[in-house]
Amino acid sequence: MIKQLSLPESSFTVTPWSVKGDVDYDKLITQFGVKKIDDALLKRIKKLAGGEIHPYLRRGIFFSHMYLDKVLDAVEKKEKAYLYTGRAPSGPVHLGHLVPWMFTKWLQDKFNMPLLFQIPDEEKVLFKDNLTAQEAERWTMENIYDIIAVGFDPKKTKIFIDTEYAGHMYKHACSVAKKTTASTAKALFGLTDSDNVGKYFYTCMQSVPAFLPTVMEGKKTPCLIPCAIDQDVHFRLTRDVAEGIGFPKPATILCRFLPALAAGGKMSASEMDTLVAATDSPDVVRKKIMKYAFSGGRDNMEEHRKYGGNPDIDVAYQWLMFFEEDDAKLKKIHDDYKSGKLLSGELKMILVDKLNAFLKKHQAAREKAKKSVEKFMLRD
């Protein structure tokens, strides 16, 4: 039985297109029917990764999954397994988008896995009334530069655009469509009779890249999808129909959201003040963090020094959990802030410096990426 996508009894809502409120991830695990990444899985990943474990796993940022163990079985047997992730182009890439991509790169490097990177350029055109196909086309190329800048191996990475690669995808999408009822799409995605029919068919195209490894290899081949947990609903449908049309169920490994600067929900490309874009200048980054980052500090310096701040609700600290790789440094920041030794403004400046150093490297790689696009593209 298909479960409803949102959580009406809670103070938050999670859909593939909107996240609002303070998300309770334990409730999401139950609601979405996924599994928590336990210590046994972490130990297994660490062993297969040569004794290393990514900070996102250590810190519970990637915290749940479906069928991850099946992919690890293939890795252990030295059988081929693929990665699949994507980006729907409707605006600039921001730091929240980069989080699962950076983790995907780590998986590619550690497990020698080929990656299929989908650009579903039709998705946001269908779901956003104010976005034209021409605008999506422009953002497609801008977003591809940021994808390549993450550092994926061009020999093991293929990027494809839905409307361009549709010839290879369409017949498989039709197979998914034949097995998917309108009532299922409504239950999963909250669609109504007034929604355009493209919204109903889109999720069938979203399923296809999970099947392409099997098509490309000529035999059943596992696929692992690293993404934020709001996207798992697409692959819930994919898993429901996969075996009935001759493909293995795709696996997912799911992450928490990078919170919006103003706190509550995830960073959204439709709210420019609450995000840091991959192309933002150092001054813009500083202004956004200093002005908009929700603080866990006290009302004044005297109280803060006496009682300390709350890193659990402070957005600057929450962001450092994503971008400060050194556990010892992160712990010191946490303890100093909680004790009152570190002030809110000082914590924000630590984040500003960290992000600007990160973005300086990313933006340099982005410029170089403009010359290497065709090395990555999978054309129809």
Protein backbone atom coordinates (compact mmCIF):
# COMPACT_ATOMS: atom_id res chain seq x y z
CA MET A 1 0.00 0.00 0.00
CA ILE A 2 1.35 3.44 -0.98
CA LYS A 3 1.84 5.79 1.96
CA GLN A 4 1.06 9.48 1.82
CA LEU A 5 4.06 11.68 1.11
CA SER A 6 3.65 14.47 3.65
CA LEU A 7 3.18 14.41 7.40
CA PRO A 8 -0.03 16.33 8.11
CA GLU A 9 0.06 15.55 11.82
CA SER A 10 3.49 17.17 12.19
CA SER A 11 4.79 20.71 12.10
CA PHE A 12 6.81 19.98 8.95
CA THR A 13 6.14 18.83 5.40
CA VAL A 14 8.50 17.06 2.99
CA THR A 15 7.86 16.63 -0.74
CA PRO A 16 10.27 16.50 -3.71
CA TRP A 17 9.43 20.15 -4.39
CA SER A 18 9.03 21.70 -0.94
CA VAL A 19 10.39 21.20 2.57
CA LYS A 20 8.90 23.28 5.37
CA GLY A 21 9.38 23.34 9.13
CA ASP A 22 11.82 21.57 11.42
CA VAL A 23 12.18 18.09 9.99
CA ASP A 24 12.02 15.07 12.31
CA TYR A 25 14.18 12.56 10.46
CA ASP A 26 13.20 9.63 12.67
CA LYS A 27 9.57 10.23 11.69
CA LEU A 28 10.58 10.46 8.04
CA ILE A 29 12.26 7.06 8.22
CA THR A 30 8.99 5.57 9.42
CA GLN A 31 6.79 7.58 7.06
CA PHE A 32 8.87 6.90 3.95
CA GLY A 33 9.45 3.25 4.79
CA VAL A 34 13.24 3.45 4.54
CA LYS A 35 15.91 1.98 6.84
CA LYS A 36 18.41 3.64 9.14
CA ILE A 37 22.10 3.19 8.35
CA ASP A 38 23.24 1.19 11.36
CA ASP A 39 26.70 0.54 12.81
CA ALA A 40 27.02 -2.74 10.95
CA LEU A 41 26.53 -1.02 7.59
CA LEU A 42 28.96 1.75 8.54
CA LYS A 43 31.63 -0.81 9.44
CA ARG A 44 31.03 -2.60 6.17
CA ILE A 45 31.36 0.61 4.14
CA LYS A 46 34.52 1.56 6.01
CA LYS A 47 36.12 -1.80 5.32
CA LEU A 48 35.25 -1.68 1.62
CA ALA A 49 36.50 1.93 1.39
CA GLY A 50 39.95 0.94 2.56
CA GLY A 51 39.48 1.89 6.20
CA GLU A 52 38.02 5.35 5.52
CA ILE A 53 34.60 6.67 6.31
CA HIS A 54 33.22 9.91 4.91
CA PRO A 55 32.39 12.68 7.43
CA TYR A 56 28.81 12.66 6.12
CA LEU A 57 28.51 9.06 7.29
CA ARG A 58 30.32 9.63 10.59
CA ARG A 59 28.02 12.54 11.42
CA GLY A 60 24.78 10.93 10.33
CA ILE A 61 24.23 13.34 7.44
CA PHE A 62 23.70 10.35 5.17
CA PHE A 63 21.52 8.45 7.58
CA SER A 64 19.10 6.12 5.81
CA HIS A 65 18.86 3.84 2.81
CA MET A 66 17.05 1.20 0.86
CA TYR A 67 18.88 -1.88 -0.45
CA LEU A 68 22.35 -0.40 0.19
CA ASP A 69 23.41 -3.81 1.45
CA LYS A 70 22.69 -5.29 -2.00
CA VAL A 71 25.06 -2.82 -3.64
CA LEU A 72 27.74 -3.56 -1.05
CA ASP A 73 27.31 -7.26 -1.85
CA ALA A 74 28.19 -6.47 -5.47
CA VAL A 75 31.19 -4.35 -4.43
CA GLU A 76 32.47 -7.18 -2.22
CA LYS A 77 32.17 -9.62 -5.12
CA LYS A 78 33.90 -7.10 -7.42
CA GLU A 79 30.81 -7.04 -9.62
CA LYS A 80 29.89 -3.90 -11.50
CA ALA A 81 27.48 -1.48 -9.81
CA TYR A 82 26.49 2.03 -10.91
CA LEU A 83 25.80 5.34 -9.22
CA TYR A 84 22.95 7.57 -10.36
CA THR A 85 22.07 11.08 -9.26
CA GLY A 86 20.74 14.21 -10.91
CA ARG A 87 19.88 17.89 -11.02
CA ALA A 88 16.70 19.54 -12.33
CA PRO A 89 17.82 22.91 -13.77
CA SER A 90 15.70 25.88 -12.73
CA GLY A 91 18.25 28.25 -11.21
CA PRO A 92 21.78 28.41 -9.83
CA VAL A 93 23.39 25.47 -8.08
CA HIS A 94 23.66 26.11 -4.35
CA LEU A 95 25.55 24.45 -1.52
CA GLY A 96 22.63 22.17 -0.71
CA HIS A 97 22.87 20.67 -4.20
CA LEU A 98 26.61 20.10 -3.85
CA VAL A 99 26.29 18.01 -0.67
CA PRO A 100 25.03 14.75 -2.27
CA TRP A 101 27.26 15.29 -5.30
CA MET A 102 30.41 15.52 -3.17
CA PHE A 103 29.41 12.33 -1.41
CA THR A 104 28.70 10.69 -4.78
CA LYS A 105 32.25 11.57 -5.87
CA TRP A 106 33.61 9.90 -2.74
CA LEU A 107 31.65 6.75 -3.52
CA GLN A 108 32.89 6.81 -7.12
CA ASP A 109 36.50 7.17 -5.98
CA LYS A 110 36.35 4.56 -3.23
CA PHE A 111 34.33 1.89 -5.03
CA ASN A 112 35.38 2.57 -8.64
CA MET A 113 31.76 2.97 -9.71
CA PRO A 114 30.56 4.51 -12.99
CA LEU A 115 28.10 7.39 -12.55
CA LEU A 116 25.04 8.32 -14.58
CA PHE A 117 24.11 11.96 -13.97
CA GLN A 118 20.62 12.87 -15.13
CA ILE A 119 19.58 16.41 -16.07
CA PRO A 120 15.76 16.23 -16.03
CA ASP A 121 15.32 19.55 -17.81
CA GLU A 122 11.59 18.92 -18.25
CA GLU A 123 10.80 18.49 -14.54
CA LYS A 124 10.77 22.08 -13.31
CA VAL A 125 9.16 23.28 -16.56
CA LEU A 126 6.26 20.95 -15.79
CA PHE A 127 6.09 21.77 -12.10
CA LYS A 128 6.85 25.51 -12.08
CA ASP A 129 4.40 27.79 -13.85
CA ASN A 130 6.93 30.59 -14.24
CA LEU A 131 9.75 28.56 -15.83
CA THR A 132 10.01 28.25 -19.60
CA ALA A 133 11.80 25.54 -21.56
CA GLN A 134 14.23 28.19 -22.84
CA GLU A 135 15.15 29.21 -19.29
CA ALA A 136 15.62 25.58 -18.28
CA GLU A 137 17.92 25.10 -21.28
CA ARG A 138 20.08 28.05 -20.19
CA TRP A 139 20.29 26.80 -16.60
CA THR A 140 21.12 23.31 -17.84
CA MET A 141 24.52 24.33 -19.12
CA GLU A 142 25.25 26.57 -16.12
CA ASN A 143 24.44 23.67 -13.79
CA ILE A 144 26.57 21.23 -15.78
CA TYR A 145 29.63 23.41 -15.14
CA ASP A 146 29.03 23.06 -11.40
CA ILE A 147 28.53 19.30 -11.69
CA ILE A 148 31.82 18.80 -13.50
CA ALA A 149 33.58 21.12 -11.02
CA VAL A 150 32.88 18.62 -8.22
CA GLY A 151 35.65 16.50 -9.72
CA PHE A 152 33.95 13.41 -11.10
CA ASP A 153 36.11 11.10 -13.22
CA PRO A 154 35.27 11.84 -16.89
CA LYS A 155 36.13 8.25 -17.83
CA LYS A 156 33.50 6.94 -15.42
CA THR A 157 30.86 9.71 -15.54
CA LYS A 158 28.17 10.33 -18.12
CA ILE A 159 25.83 13.34 -17.99
CA PHE A 160 22.65 13.23 -20.06
CA ILE A 161 19.76 15.64 -20.61
CA ASP A 162 16.27 14.13 -20.58
CA THR A 163 14.81 15.99 -23.57
CA GLU A 164 17.94 15.19 -25.59
CA TYR A 165 18.48 11.59 -24.47
CA ALA A 166 14.80 10.73 -24.64
CA GLY A 167 15.27 8.37 -27.56
CA HIS A 168 17.14 5.96 -25.28
CA MET A 169 14.81 6.51 -22.33
CA TYR A 170 11.30 6.72 -23.73
CA LYS A 171 10.46 3.05 -24.26
CA HIS A 172 11.55 2.24 -20.70
CA ALA A 173 9.54 5.18 -19.37
CA CYS A 174 6.50 3.78 -21.18
CA SER A 175 7.04 0.44 -19.45
CA VAL A 176 7.00 2.23 -16.09
CA ALA A 177 3.95 4.26 -17.12
CA LYS A 178 2.01 1.13 -18.03
CA LYS A 179 2.56 -0.23 -14.51
CA THR A 180 1.73 3.06 -12.73
CA THR A 181 -1.83 4.16 -12.02
CA ALA A 182 -3.00 7.74 -11.65
CA SER A 183 -4.13 6.97 -8.11
CA THR A 184 -0.61 5.86 -7.20
CA ALA A 185 0.87 9.07 -8.62
CA LYS A 186 -1.68 11.10 -6.67
CA ALA A 187 -0.91 9.28 -3.43
CA LEU A 188 2.85 9.58 -3.81
CA PHE A 189 3.16 13.10 -5.14
CA GLY A 190 0.01 14.83 -4.00
CA LEU A 191 -1.14 15.41 -7.58
CA THR A 192 -4.72 16.43 -8.35
CA ASP A 193 -7.05 16.38 -11.33
CA SER A 194 -6.09 19.96 -12.14
CA ASP A 195 -2.37 19.15 -12.57
CA ASN A 196 -1.02 18.89 -16.10
CA VAL A 197 -0.54 15.35 -17.39
CA GLY A 198 3.20 15.92 -17.78
CA LYS A 199 3.55 15.81 -13.99
CA TYR A 200 2.07 12.33 -13.99
CA PHE A 201 4.38 11.04 -16.72
CA TYR A 202 7.53 12.78 -15.48
CA THR A 203 8.17 10.34 -12.64
CA CYS A 204 8.25 7.53 -15.20
CA MET A 205 11.21 9.25 -16.90
CA GLN A 206 12.79 9.75 -13.48
CA SER A 207 12.80 5.96 -13.01
CA VAL A 208 14.65 5.15 -16.21
CA PRO A 209 18.27 6.02 -15.25
CA ALA A 210 18.04 3.38 -12.51
CA PHE A 211 17.44 0.84 -15.29
CA LEU A 212 20.12 2.10 -17.71
CA PRO A 213 22.98 0.21 -15.99
CA THR A 214 21.19 -3.05 -16.79
CA VAL A 215 20.51 -1.88 -20.35
CA MET A 216 24.11 -0.79 -20.87
CA GLU A 217 25.68 -3.90 -19.35
CA GLY A 218 23.27 -6.35 -20.96
CA LYS A 219 22.61 -8.04 -17.61
CA LYS A 220 20.98 -7.12 -14.32
CA THR A 221 23.22 -4.52 -12.70
CA PRO A 222 22.66 -2.84 -9.34
CA CYS A 223 22.31 0.93 -9.08
CA LEU A 224 22.84 3.15 -6.03
CA ILE A 225 21.21 6.59 -5.87
CA PRO A 226 22.71 9.12 -3.41
CA CYS A 227 20.19 11.93 -2.82
CA ALA A 228 18.35 13.92 -0.19
CA ILE A 229 15.53 12.03 1.48
CA ASP A 230 12.82 14.16 -0.15
CA GLN A 231 13.70 12.54 -3.50
CA ASP A 232 13.27 8.94 -2.33
CA VAL A 233 9.57 9.04 -3.20
CA HIS A 234 10.46 8.91 -6.91
CA PHE A 235 12.39 5.71 -6.36
CA ARG A 236 9.72 4.21 -4.14
CA LEU A 237 7.63 4.09 -7.29
CA THR A 238 10.62 2.79 -9.27
CA ARG A 239 11.13 -0.03 -6.78
CA ASP A 240 7.43 -0.95 -6.98
CA VAL A 241 7.56 -1.53 -10.73
CA ALA A 242 11.19 -2.53 -11.40
CA GLU A 243 11.06 -6.30 -11.09
CA GLY A 244 7.77 -6.48 -12.99
CA ILE A 245 9.46 -5.03 -16.08
CA GLY A 246 12.71 -7.00 -15.75
CA PHE A 247 15.02 -4.73 -13.76
CA PRO A 248 16.53 -4.94 -10.27
CA LYS A 249 15.21 -2.60 -7.60
CA PRO A 250 17.43 0.48 -7.28
CA ALA A 251 19.13 1.23 -3.97
CA THR A 252 19.18 4.65 -2.34
CA ILE A 253 21.43 6.26 0.26
CA LEU A 254 19.70 9.30 1.69
CA CYS A 255 20.90 12.48 3.36
CA ARG A 256 19.55 15.20 5.58
CA PHE A 257 18.95 18.68 4.20
CA LEU A 258 21.40 21.54 4.42
CA PRO A 259 19.11 23.93 6.32
CA ALA A 260 18.07 27.30 5.00
CA LEU A 261 19.98 30.19 6.51
CA ALA A 262 16.84 31.49 8.18
CA ALA A 263 16.27 28.03 9.76
CA GLY A 264 13.37 25.66 9.10
CA GLY A 265 13.15 23.60 5.93
CA LYS A 266 15.94 23.14 3.40
CA MET A 267 17.85 25.62 1.28
CA SER A 268 15.69 26.53 -1.71
CA ALA A 269 16.71 28.03 -5.04
CA SER A 270 13.50 30.06 -4.99
CA GLU A 271 14.63 31.99 -1.90
CA MET A 272 17.91 33.63 -2.82
CA ASP A 273 18.49 35.23 0.58
CA THR A 274 18.37 31.85 2.32
CA LEU A 275 20.96 30.13 0.13
CA VAL A 276 24.60 30.41 -0.81
CA ALA A 277 25.04 29.83 -4.53
CA ALA A 278 28.07 28.07 -5.95
CA THR A 279 28.88 31.24 -7.90
CA ASP A 280 28.48 33.75 -5.02
CA SER A 281 31.38 36.14 -4.43
CA PRO A 282 33.20 36.28 -1.05
CA ASP A 283 31.43 39.55 -0.17
CA VAL A 284 28.01 38.13 -0.99
CA VAL A 285 28.73 35.03 1.09
CA ARG A 286 29.78 37.15 4.06
CA LYS A 287 26.75 39.41 3.82
CA LYS A 288 24.31 36.49 3.58
CA ILE A 289 25.81 34.58 6.49
CA MET A 290 26.16 37.58 8.78
CA LYS A 291 22.68 38.91 8.03
CA TYR A 292 20.50 35.84 7.59
CA ALA A 293 22.09 32.85 9.39
CA PHE A 294 19.84 31.94 12.32
CA SER A 295 21.76 32.20 15.58
CA GLY A 296 21.70 29.96 18.63
CA GLY A 297 23.32 32.69 20.69
CA ARG A 298 21.95 34.67 23.63
CA ASP A 299 20.32 38.08 23.47
CA ASN A 300 23.47 39.91 24.54
CA MET A 301 27.18 39.27 25.05
CA GLU A 302 26.97 39.12 28.84
CA GLU A 303 24.33 36.38 28.78
CA HIS A 304 26.14 34.51 26.03
CA ARG A 305 29.43 34.51 27.96
CA LYS A 306 27.59 33.29 31.07
CA TYR A 307 25.20 30.71 29.63
CA GLY A 308 26.67 29.89 26.22
CA GLY A 309 25.01 29.34 22.86
CA ASN A 310 23.05 26.43 21.44
CA PRO A 311 24.90 24.82 18.52
CA ASP A 312 22.00 22.43 17.93
CA ILE A 313 19.86 25.24 16.51
CA ASP A 314 22.60 27.56 15.24
CA VAL A 315 22.65 27.45 11.43
CA ALA A 316 26.31 28.50 11.15
CA TYR A 317 27.32 25.51 13.26
CA GLN A 318 24.92 23.21 11.39
CA TRP A 319 26.53 24.24 8.12
CA LEU A 320 30.01 23.60 9.51
CA MET A 321 28.94 20.02 10.12
CA PHE A 322 28.68 19.76 6.31
CA PHE A 323 31.80 21.71 5.35
CA GLU A 324 34.37 21.33 8.15
CA GLU A 325 35.96 17.94 7.59
CA ASP A 326 38.18 17.98 10.69
CA ASP A 327 36.30 16.37 13.59
CA ALA A 328 38.62 17.86 16.20
CA LYS A 329 38.12 21.40 14.88
CA LEU A 330 34.37 20.92 14.74
CA LYS A 331 34.26 19.65 18.32
CA LYS A 332 36.28 22.62 19.57
CA ILE A 333 33.92 25.03 17.81
CA HIS A 334 30.95 23.20 19.33
CA ASP A 335 32.38 23.25 22.85
CA ASP A 336 33.60 26.86 22.69
CA TYR A 337 30.23 28.05 21.44
CA LYS A 338 28.29 26.07 24.01
CA SER A 339 30.48 27.38 26.83
CA GLY A 340 30.15 30.99 25.72
CA LYS A 341 33.81 31.34 24.82
CA LEU A 342 32.89 31.73 21.13
CA LEU A 343 30.39 34.44 20.17
CA SER A 344 27.73 34.12 17.46
CA GLY A 345 29.42 36.65 15.19
CA GLU A 346 32.74 34.84 15.56
CA LEU A 347 31.09 31.52 14.73
CA LYS A 348 29.55 33.04 11.62
CA MET A 349 32.94 34.35 10.50
CA ILE A 350 34.45 30.87 10.89
CA LEU A 351 31.77 29.64 8.50
CA VAL A 352 32.31 32.56 6.11
CA ASP A 353 36.04 31.78 5.87
CA LYS A 354 35.39 28.06 5.40
CA LEU A 355 32.81 28.60 2.66
CA ASN A 356 34.84 31.18 0.79
CA ALA A 357 37.88 28.90 0.76
CA PHE A 358 35.67 26.06 -0.51
CA LEU A 359 34.00 28.22 -3.17
CA LYS A 360 37.31 29.65 -4.38
CA LYS A 361 38.40 26.14 -5.35
CA HIS A 362 35.00 25.23 -6.75
CA GLN A 363 34.75 28.34 -8.91
CA ALA A 364 38.24 27.81 -10.33
CA ALA A 365 37.27 24.24 -11.21
CA ARG A 366 34.01 25.54 -12.67
CA GLU A 367 35.88 27.77 -15.12
CA LYS A 368 38.02 24.84 -16.25
CA ALA A 369 34.90 22.71 -16.61
CA LYS A 370 33.62 24.92 -19.43
CA LYS A 371 36.32 23.47 -21.67
CA SER A 372 35.62 19.82 -20.89
CA VAL A 373 31.83 19.45 -21.11
CA GLU A 374 31.84 17.07 -24.07
CA LYS A 375 34.09 14.61 -22.22
CA PHE A 376 31.16 13.98 -19.90
CA MET A 377 28.10 14.15 -22.16
CA LEU A 378 26.04 11.16 -23.19
CA ARG A 379 24.30 12.20 -26.38
CA ASP A 380 21.31 10.64 -28.12
